[in-house]
Protein backbone atom coordinates (compact mmCIF):
# COMPACT_ATOMS: atom_id res chain seq x y z
CA MET A 1 -5.01 -2.41 1.48
CA VAL A 2 -6.24 1.15 2.01
CA THR A 3 -5.17 1.23 5.65
CA THR A 4 -1.79 -0.18 4.63
CA GLY A 5 -1.57 2.70 2.17
CA LEU A 6 -1.69 5.19 5.06
CA VAL A 7 1.57 3.88 6.52
CA ALA A 8 3.13 3.07 3.13
CA ILE A 9 2.77 6.61 1.78
CA ASP A 10 3.87 8.17 5.06
CA ALA A 11 7.05 6.05 4.95
CA THR A 12 8.31 7.84 1.83
CA ILE A 13 6.49 11.16 1.49
CA LEU A 14 8.10 12.92 4.48
CA ALA A 15 11.76 12.20 3.76
CA THR A 16 11.71 14.12 0.46
CA ALA A 17 10.23 17.19 2.15
CA VAL A 18 12.65 17.39 5.11
CA PRO A 19 14.90 20.08 3.55
CA THR A 20 11.83 22.23 2.75
CA ILE A 21 10.41 21.78 6.25
CA VAL A 22 13.76 22.68 7.83
CA ALA A 23 14.02 25.75 5.60
CA ASP A 24 10.55 26.87 6.76
CA LEU A 25 10.59 25.89 10.45
CA GLY A 26 14.32 25.68 11.15
CA GLY A 27 16.04 23.13 13.39
CA PHE A 28 18.17 20.91 11.12
CA SER A 29 19.72 19.14 14.13
CA SER A 30 16.19 18.36 15.40
CA PHE A 31 14.80 16.82 12.20
CA PRO A 32 15.66 13.22 13.24
CA TRP A 33 13.02 13.70 15.96
CA LEU A 34 10.36 13.88 13.20
CA PHE A 35 11.07 10.22 12.50
CA SER A 36 12.19 9.12 15.95
CA VAL A 37 9.18 10.36 17.96
CA TYR A 38 6.80 8.88 15.37
CA LEU A 39 8.56 5.54 15.47
CA LEU A 40 8.85 5.58 19.25
CA THR A 41 5.14 6.15 19.89
CA GLN A 42 4.35 3.62 17.19
CA ALA A 43 6.66 1.06 18.75
CA VAL A 44 5.57 1.36 22.37
CA SER A 45 1.87 1.33 21.44
CA VAL A 46 2.07 -1.75 19.18
CA PRO A 47 2.20 -4.31 22.05
CA ILE A 48 -0.78 -2.65 23.77
CA TYR A 49 -2.85 -2.58 20.59
CA SER A 50 -1.86 -6.16 19.80
CA LYS A 51 -2.93 -7.37 23.24
CA LEU A 52 -6.25 -5.57 22.88
CA ALA A 53 -6.72 -7.06 19.40
CA ASP A 54 -6.41 -10.58 20.78
CA THR A 55 -9.14 -9.83 23.36
CA VAL A 56 -11.63 -7.34 21.88
CA GLY A 57 -10.99 -8.00 18.19
CA ARG A 58 -9.05 -6.38 15.36
CA LYS A 59 -11.77 -4.06 14.06
CA PRO A 60 -12.17 -1.62 16.98
CA VAL A 61 -8.40 -1.38 17.39
CA ILE A 62 -7.69 -0.57 13.75
CA LEU A 63 -10.51 2.00 13.67
CA VAL A 64 -9.01 3.77 16.70
CA GLY A 65 -5.66 3.75 14.88
CA VAL A 66 -7.14 5.31 11.75
CA GLY A 67 -8.79 8.01 13.88
CA LEU A 68 -5.55 8.89 15.68
CA PHE A 69 -3.62 8.89 12.41
CA LEU A 70 -6.20 11.30 10.96
CA LEU A 71 -6.00 13.63 13.99
CA GLY A 72 -2.20 13.58 13.95
CA SER A 73 -2.09 14.31 10.21
CA ILE A 74 -4.37 17.34 10.55
CA LEU A 75 -2.36 18.74 13.46
CA CYS A 76 0.95 18.18 11.63
CA GLY A 77 -0.36 20.15 8.68
CA LEU A 78 -1.22 23.02 11.05
CA ALA A 79 2.12 22.95 12.92
CA TRP A 80 3.74 26.36 13.44
CA SER A 81 7.18 25.27 14.66
CA MET A 82 9.51 22.28 14.68
CA PRO A 83 8.69 21.36 18.33
CA ALA A 84 4.96 21.49 17.53
CA LEU A 85 5.44 19.33 14.43
CA ILE A 86 7.45 16.81 16.45
CA ALA A 87 4.70 16.65 19.11
CA PHE A 88 1.98 16.10 16.50
CA ARG A 89 4.05 13.40 14.80
CA ALA A 90 3.84 11.54 18.12
CA ILE A 91 0.04 11.45 17.79
CA GLN A 92 0.37 10.22 14.21
CA GLY A 93 2.70 7.49 15.47
CA LEU A 94 0.11 6.34 18.00
CA GLY A 95 -2.28 5.82 15.11
CA ALA A 96 0.29 3.98 13.00
CA GLY A 97 0.96 1.71 15.98
CA ALA A 98 -2.53 0.26 15.51
CA VAL A 99 -2.89 0.52 11.73
CA GLN A 100 0.17 -1.39 10.54
CA PRO A 101 0.10 -4.48 12.81
CA MET A 102 -3.70 -4.80 12.62
CA ALA A 103 -3.70 -4.76 8.81
CA ILE A 104 -1.08 -7.53 8.79
CA THR A 105 -2.83 -9.49 11.56
CA ILE A 106 -6.19 -9.32 9.75
CA ALA A 107 -4.53 -10.71 6.62
CA GLY A 108 -3.06 -13.48 8.76
CA ASP A 109 -6.55 -14.28 10.10
CA ILE A 110 -8.26 -14.36 6.72
CA TYR A 111 -5.74 -16.35 4.68
CA THR A 112 -3.78 -19.57 5.16
CA VAL A 113 -0.02 -19.59 4.60
CA ALA A 114 -0.48 -20.86 1.03
CA GLU A 115 -3.18 -18.27 0.27
CA ARG A 116 -1.02 -15.47 1.65
CA ALA A 117 1.33 -15.91 -1.30
CA LYS A 118 -1.39 -14.39 -3.51
CA ALA A 119 -2.61 -11.98 -0.82
CA GLN A 120 0.96 -10.70 -0.46
CA GLY A 121 0.82 -9.65 -4.10
CA TYR A 122 -2.21 -7.46 -3.48
CA ILE A 123 -0.80 -5.90 -0.32
CA ALA A 124 2.61 -5.49 -1.94
CA SER A 125 0.96 -3.61 -4.78
CA VAL A 126 0.01 -0.95 -2.22
CA TRP A 127 3.66 -0.47 -1.31
CA ALA A 128 4.61 -0.49 -5.00
CA ILE A 129 2.12 2.26 -5.81
CA SER A 130 3.04 4.20 -2.66
CA SER A 131 6.75 3.94 -3.50
CA VAL A 132 6.09 6.06 -6.57
CA VAL A 133 3.16 8.16 -5.34
CA GLY A 134 4.73 9.05 -1.96
CA PRO A 135 8.04 10.56 -3.14
CA THR A 136 6.35 12.15 -6.15
CA LEU A 137 3.74 13.88 -4.01
CA GLY A 138 6.37 14.85 -1.44
CA GLY A 139 8.52 16.41 -4.12
CA LEU A 140 5.63 18.13 -5.89
CA PHE A 141 4.17 19.55 -2.68
CA SER A 142 7.60 20.78 -1.56
CA GLU A 143 8.45 22.42 -4.88
CA PHE A 144 5.15 23.78 -6.14
CA LEU A 145 2.65 23.94 -3.26
CA ASP A 146 3.41 23.66 0.44
CA TRP A 147 4.90 20.92 2.62
CA THR A 148 1.75 20.88 4.79
CA TRP A 149 -0.03 18.97 2.03
CA ILE A 150 2.11 15.89 2.71
CA PHE A 151 -0.03 15.53 5.86
CA PHE A 152 -3.37 16.82 4.58
CA VAL A 153 -3.32 14.20 1.79
CA ASN A 154 -3.98 11.60 4.52
CA ILE A 155 -7.43 13.02 5.30
CA PRO A 156 -9.39 11.45 2.40
CA LEU A 157 -7.42 8.19 2.75
CA CYS A 158 -8.29 7.92 6.46
CA VAL A 159 -11.97 8.58 5.80
CA LEU A 160 -12.07 5.99 3.01
CA ALA A 161 -10.23 3.39 5.09
CA ALA A 162 -12.59 3.84 8.06
CA TRP A 163 -15.67 3.56 5.85
CA LEU A 164 -14.43 0.36 4.18
CA LEU A 165 -13.55 -1.22 7.53
CA VAL A 166 -16.93 -0.39 9.08
CA ARG A 167 -18.79 -1.68 6.03
CA HIS A 168 -16.87 -4.84 5.16
CA LEU A 169 -14.88 -6.17 8.14
CA HIS A 170 -17.00 -8.45 10.33
CA GLU A 171 -15.64 -10.60 13.15
CA ASP A 172 -17.12 -12.74 15.89
CA VAL A 173 -15.13 -12.14 19.07
CA GLN A 174 -15.91 -13.37 22.57
CA ARG A 175 -15.43 -10.28 24.74
CA GLU A 176 -13.96 -10.68 28.22
CA ARG A 177 -12.63 -8.34 30.88
CA HIS A 178 -8.85 -7.99 30.75
CA ARG A 179 -6.22 -5.98 32.54
CA ILE A 180 -4.01 -3.62 30.57
CA ASP A 181 -0.43 -3.53 31.77
CA TRP A 182 -0.19 0.25 32.21
CA ALA A 183 2.89 -0.03 34.44
CA GLY A 184 4.80 -2.01 31.83
CA GLY A 185 3.70 0.29 29.03
CA GLY A 186 4.71 3.38 31.02
CA LEU A 187 8.15 2.02 31.92
CA LEU A 188 8.77 0.99 28.31
CA THR A 189 7.71 4.40 26.97
CA VAL A 190 9.68 6.54 29.42
CA GLY A 191 12.77 4.33 29.34
CA SER A 192 12.91 4.27 25.54
CA THR A 193 12.29 8.03 25.32
CA LEU A 194 15.14 8.81 27.71
CA LEU A 195 17.60 6.66 25.76
CA ILE A 196 16.60 8.27 22.47
CA LEU A 197 16.82 11.72 24.08
CA ALA A 198 20.36 10.94 25.22
CA LEU A 199 21.37 9.70 21.76
CA LEU A 200 19.93 12.66 19.85
CA GLU A 201 20.94 15.46 22.22
CA GLY A 202 24.20 14.07 23.60
CA GLY A 203 27.10 15.81 21.86
CA ASN A 204 24.62 18.27 20.35
CA ALA A 205 22.57 20.17 22.94
CA TRP A 206 25.00 19.12 25.68
CA ALA A 207 28.23 17.13 26.01
CA TRP A 208 28.21 13.35 26.31
CA THR A 209 29.81 13.70 29.74
CA ASP A 210 27.17 16.19 30.87
CA PRO A 211 25.11 14.99 33.87
CA ARG A 212 21.98 15.24 31.67
CA SER A 213 23.35 12.67 29.22
CA ILE A 214 24.59 10.34 31.95
CA GLY A 215 21.35 10.72 33.91
CA ALA A 216 19.12 10.09 30.88
CA ILE A 217 21.03 6.92 29.99
CA ALA A 218 21.15 5.64 33.57
CA VAL A 219 17.46 6.28 34.29
CA GLY A 220 16.43 4.95 30.86
CA VAL A 221 18.30 1.68 31.35
CA ALA A 222 16.92 1.35 34.89
CA MET A 223 13.36 1.79 33.64
CA LEU A 224 13.83 -0.82 30.91
CA VAL A 225 15.18 -3.25 33.51
CA GLY A 226 12.12 -2.42 35.61
CA PHE A 227 9.95 -3.09 32.55
CA VAL A 228 11.38 -6.62 32.24
CA LEU A 229 10.76 -7.28 35.94
CA VAL A 230 7.17 -5.99 35.71
CA GLU A 231 6.49 -8.13 32.62
CA ARG A 232 7.62 -11.25 34.47
CA ARG A 233 4.94 -10.74 37.12
CA ALA A 234 2.14 -8.99 35.21
CA ALA A 235 -1.11 -10.96 34.88
CA GLU A 236 -1.44 -9.84 31.25
CA PRO A 237 1.91 -8.34 30.20
CA VAL A 238 1.99 -5.78 27.41
CA LEU A 239 4.88 -7.71 25.87
CA PRO A 240 4.90 -11.34 27.05
CA LEU A 241 8.46 -12.53 27.56
CA TRP A 242 7.61 -15.95 26.10
CA VAL A 243 7.63 -14.23 22.70
CA LEU A 244 11.40 -13.93 23.01
CA SER A 245 11.95 -17.34 24.61
CA ARG A 246 11.25 -19.30 21.41
CA ARG A 247 14.10 -19.47 18.96
CA LEU A 248 12.05 -18.71 15.85
CA LEU A 249 10.29 -15.73 17.43
CA ALA A 250 13.51 -14.36 18.94
CA THR A 251 15.49 -14.58 15.69
CA THR A 252 12.70 -13.06 13.59
CA ALA A 253 12.44 -10.23 16.13
CA LEU A 254 16.16 -9.54 15.77
CA ILE A 255 15.75 -9.58 12.01
CA SER A 256 12.98 -7.00 12.35
CA VAL A 257 15.27 -4.77 14.42
CA GLY A 258 17.83 -4.89 11.61
CA VAL A 259 15.17 -4.19 8.98
CA GLY A 260 14.04 -1.16 10.99
CA VAL A 261 17.54 0.32 11.24
CA ILE A 262 18.35 -0.24 7.57
CA LEU A 263 15.06 1.18 6.37
CA ILE A 264 15.14 4.33 8.50
CA GLY A 265 18.83 4.96 7.83
CA LEU A 266 18.32 5.05 4.08
CA THR A 267 14.91 6.75 3.87
CA SER A 268 15.94 9.50 6.31
CA TYR A 269 19.28 10.50 4.80
CA VAL A 270 19.35 9.55 1.11
CA PRO A 271 17.06 12.42 -0.10
CA THR A 272 18.88 15.14 1.88
CA TRP A 273 22.24 13.64 0.86
CA LEU A 274 21.35 13.78 -2.84
CA GLU A 275 19.88 17.28 -2.61
CA ALA A 276 22.91 18.64 -0.71
CA LEU A 277 25.68 16.97 -2.73
CA LEU A 278 24.17 16.81 -6.23
CA ASP A 279 21.82 19.80 -5.95
CA VAL A 280 18.89 17.78 -7.29
CA SER A 281 15.26 18.69 -6.64
CA PRO A 282 13.13 17.03 -3.93
CA LEU A 283 11.18 15.31 -6.71
CA VAL A 284 14.30 13.70 -8.19
CA SER A 285 15.68 12.64 -4.80
CA GLY A 286 12.31 11.18 -3.87
CA LEU A 287 12.01 9.16 -7.05
CA THR A 288 15.58 7.86 -6.59
CA LEU A 289 14.69 6.62 -3.12
CA ALA A 290 11.47 5.17 -4.54
CA ALA A 291 13.57 2.54 -6.32
CA MET A 292 13.99 0.81 -2.95
CA THR A 293 10.32 0.89 -2.03
CA LEU A 294 9.53 -0.33 -5.54
CA GLY A 295 11.92 -3.29 -5.37
CA TRP A 296 10.63 -4.30 -1.93
CA PRO A 297 7.00 -5.10 -2.89
CA LEU A 298 8.06 -6.67 -6.19
CA ALA A 299 10.18 -9.18 -4.27
CA ALA A 300 7.61 -9.57 -1.48
CA SER A 301 4.90 -10.46 -4.01
CA GLN A 302 7.03 -13.38 -5.23
CA ALA A 303 8.39 -14.38 -1.83
CA GLY A 304 5.33 -16.53 -1.12
CA ARG A 305 6.06 -18.83 -4.03
CA LEU A 306 9.70 -19.02 -2.98
CA TYR A 307 9.18 -19.94 0.68
CA LEU A 308 6.56 -22.54 -0.26
CA ARG A 309 9.28 -24.24 -2.33
CA ILE A 310 12.44 -23.82 -0.28
CA GLY A 311 11.18 -22.75 3.17
CA PHE A 312 11.20 -19.54 5.19
CA ARG A 313 14.81 -19.65 6.36
CA SER A 314 16.30 -20.20 2.91
CA THR A 315 14.18 -17.41 1.43
CA VAL A 316 15.22 -14.95 4.12
CA LEU A 317 18.85 -16.02 3.74
CA ILE A 318 18.81 -15.20 0.02
CA GLY A 319 17.30 -11.82 0.78
CA ILE A 320 19.79 -10.82 3.47
CA VAL A 321 22.74 -11.73 1.25
CA VAL A 322 21.38 -9.30 -1.37
CA VAL A 323 20.92 -6.62 1.32
CA VAL A 324 24.46 -7.05 2.70
CA LEU A 325 26.07 -6.81 -0.74
CA SER A 326 23.91 -3.85 -1.79
CA THR A 327 24.44 -1.81 1.39
CA ALA A 328 28.19 -2.49 1.20
CA ALA A 329 28.23 -1.19 -2.38
CA PHE A 330 26.19 1.82 -1.27
CA ALA A 331 28.70 2.66 1.44
CA LEU A 332 31.71 2.25 -0.86
CA LEU A 333 30.24 4.49 -3.58
CA SER A 334 28.74 7.14 -1.29
CA ARG A 335 31.65 9.58 -1.68
CA SER A 336 31.01 9.97 -5.41
CA PRO A 337 27.25 9.52 -5.83
CA SER A 338 25.33 9.42 -9.08
CA ILE A 339 21.58 9.22 -9.48
CA ALA A 340 21.76 6.02 -11.55
CA VAL A 341 24.08 4.17 -9.15
CA VAL A 342 22.12 5.25 -6.06
CA ALA A 343 18.84 4.19 -7.67
CA ALA A 344 20.31 0.81 -8.64
CA CYS A 345 21.60 0.19 -5.11
CA CYS A 346 18.27 1.26 -3.60
CA PHE A 347 16.39 -1.09 -5.92
CA ALA A 348 18.67 -4.02 -5.04
CA ILE A 349 18.29 -3.30 -1.31
CA GLY A 350 14.52 -3.23 -1.79
CA ILE A 351 14.60 -6.61 -3.53
CA GLY A 352 16.54 -8.09 -0.64
CA MET A 353 14.30 -6.52 2.00
CA GLY A 354 11.22 -7.91 0.27
CA LEU A 355 12.65 -11.40 0.71
CA VAL A 356 13.56 -10.75 4.35
CA ALA A 357 10.76 -8.76 6.02
CA ALA A 358 7.55 -10.49 4.93
CA PRO A 359 8.72 -14.15 5.01
CA SER A 360 10.31 -13.75 8.47
CA LEU A 361 7.11 -12.20 9.83
CA ILE A 362 4.89 -14.87 8.27
CA ALA A 363 7.17 -17.57 9.70
CA ALA A 364 6.56 -16.11 13.16
CA GLN A 365 2.80 -15.80 12.58
CA SER A 366 2.52 -19.35 11.31
CA SER A 367 4.08 -20.81 14.45
CA VAL A 368 1.15 -19.74 16.71
CA ASP A 369 -2.66 -19.92 16.72
CA TRP A 370 -5.25 -17.10 16.47
CA GLY A 371 -5.16 -16.17 20.16
CA GLU A 372 -1.42 -15.48 20.05
CA ARG A 373 -1.10 -14.15 16.49
CA GLY A 374 -1.84 -10.54 17.39
CA VAL A 375 0.79 -10.51 20.15
CA VAL A 376 3.39 -12.20 17.94
CA THR A 377 2.72 -9.83 15.03
CA GLY A 378 2.81 -6.88 17.40
CA ALA A 379 6.06 -8.01 18.99
CA ASN A 380 7.68 -8.42 15.58
CA LEU A 381 6.58 -4.98 14.39
CA PHE A 382 7.48 -3.53 17.80
CA ALA A 383 11.02 -4.80 17.23
CA ARG A 384 11.11 -3.17 13.79
CA SER A 385 9.76 0.14 15.09
CA MET A 386 12.17 0.18 18.03
CA GLY A 387 15.00 -0.63 15.65
CA SER A 388 13.97 2.34 13.52
CA ALA A 389 13.46 4.65 16.53
CA VAL A 390 16.78 3.85 18.18
CA GLY A 391 18.48 3.59 14.79
CA ILE A 392 17.51 7.09 13.66
CA ALA A 393 18.56 8.42 17.07
CA ALA A 394 21.98 6.74 16.89
CA LEU A 395 22.52 7.73 13.26
CA GLY A 396 21.35 11.25 14.04
CA ALA A 397 23.92 11.41 16.84
CA VAL A 398 26.66 10.43 14.38
CA VAL A 399 25.57 13.10 11.89
CA ASN A 400 25.13 15.83 14.51
CA ALA A 401 28.57 15.11 15.96
CA ARG A 402 30.19 15.51 12.55
CA MET A 403 28.16 18.53 11.47
CA ALA A 404 28.82 20.49 14.70
CA GLY A 405 25.64 22.53 14.32
CA GLN A 406 26.06 23.33 10.63
CA ASP A 407 23.33 22.86 8.04
CA ALA A 408 23.72 20.20 5.33
CA PHE A 409 23.30 22.78 2.57
CA GLU A 410 25.78 25.20 4.17
CA ALA A 411 28.49 22.54 4.38
CA PRO A 412 27.72 19.87 1.76
CA ASP A 413 31.21 18.33 1.87
CA LEU A 414 30.99 17.93 5.62
CA PHE A 415 27.53 16.42 5.31
CA GLY A 416 28.82 14.06 2.62
CA GLY A 417 31.27 12.60 5.15
CA ALA A 418 28.53 12.34 7.77
CA ALA A 419 26.22 10.57 5.31
CA THR A 420 28.99 8.12 4.40
CA ALA A 421 29.34 7.25 8.10
CA VAL A 422 25.58 6.59 8.19
CA PHE A 423 25.74 4.26 5.17
CA VAL A 424 28.72 2.37 6.60
CA ALA A 425 26.74 1.86 9.82
CA VAL A 426 23.75 0.61 7.81
CA ALA A 427 25.98 -1.92 6.03
CA ALA A 428 27.31 -3.11 9.40
CA VAL A 429 23.75 -3.57 10.70
CA ALA A 430 22.91 -5.59 7.57
CA ALA A 431 25.86 -7.90 8.29
CA ALA A 432 24.73 -8.32 11.91
CA THR A 433 21.19 -9.11 10.73
CA ALA A 434 22.60 -11.87 8.55
CA ILE A 435 23.84 -13.59 11.73
CA ALA A 436 20.28 -13.61 13.11
CA VAL A 437 19.03 -15.10 9.83
CA VAL A 438 21.58 -17.92 10.01
CA ALA A 439 20.38 -18.62 13.58
CA MET A 440 16.76 -19.15 12.45
CA PRO A 441 15.62 -22.76 12.95
CA ARG A 442 15.46 -24.78 9.78
CA ASP A 443 11.96 -25.44 8.45
CA ARG A 444 10.81 -28.25 6.19
CA VAL A 445 9.05 -27.30 2.98
CA GLU A 446 6.29 -29.85 3.59
CA SER A 447 5.57 -28.25 6.97
CA VAL A 448 5.44 -24.75 5.47
CA ALA A 449 3.04 -25.77 2.72
CA SER A 450 0.66 -27.46 5.14
CA ARG A 451 0.25 -24.51 7.50
């Protein structure tokens, strides 16, 4: 629960401070990199950590993650420029790549499917508390202290998490020598980075038709194709292709991609949108966004009871319908925002996401045994992180193209139009995710309850 808190607080505390960070360090057009580089390093490291966890155990992997997250947090707090902050966020992302999937995998090891219904409530309470604490701290630090404290606050949490893990987590793992697929990991990292670079800088730092844009896209795609070819022949692939060959695992991975895009689209732009158009404080914008991260764990804590009665697919289907309707309402009302309406839409989206994210992941976990659970969990969270990383890059490209180098606070009306385009795109992604949910294989309630 404490290690989950590291990622949960970080998910909401930074977004509220973005305007303050930009005012101090500059580089409004570069701020999507703060999220994208974090999510990219998190995403590409998840499969490696997950493979290691299935061979050497969960404990050493999660402790390495906590250590990297601590180092990255300290360096971020000491950053002197936007490029430096972006680089240090990459280190923080490497830590999060181990922390988040390992915490979920450990819960999957300890509890049965039926017991996870109660365990979800405890873990969801972390997100509920963080949904209020994160934006509140982000707003308070931005307004009354200094934005660097949004990173320094992680120091005591990391120390506490490491101490609790060392003291209380015990596992009996048979250690064997294994090969790490460095070639696959390298191709995945470089290929993904080049595509995100092309999305964020194309039409901003250079034209879309510039040889740099074309070259980045071409080389990035070629490396990802090479990654697939390497994975087919690797003795121990970083991301086994069988994970995507099973219908349940493939559909839940696509759902995770959609969850990643929706989540990053809203958390990245809602606070700045409210502060620019309504001139509210970072604290108010953060608490408005917190309605989503409050609704999410409330629904997730009850999702266990629901999927034990009606099955995973039906539970996720209910959730995605709520998300589609809520994001559509968000997009329609974005031209004339009000705090109350935005908070209500965010809360409804959170409710829907709570019924989508956790049950779809648990459905994937429950379909495999211990030796494959780490890889399956990692692949699912990899899909979510890549969805967020590519999503923030694509949405950032849309915003940068419309803003033409202007700051959101210098041209609030222009930014309002750009933000509306972002919210329309988020609603479209929600509708596409619903198709993946419908494609999930049907599961019998008796089978779910027995697992």
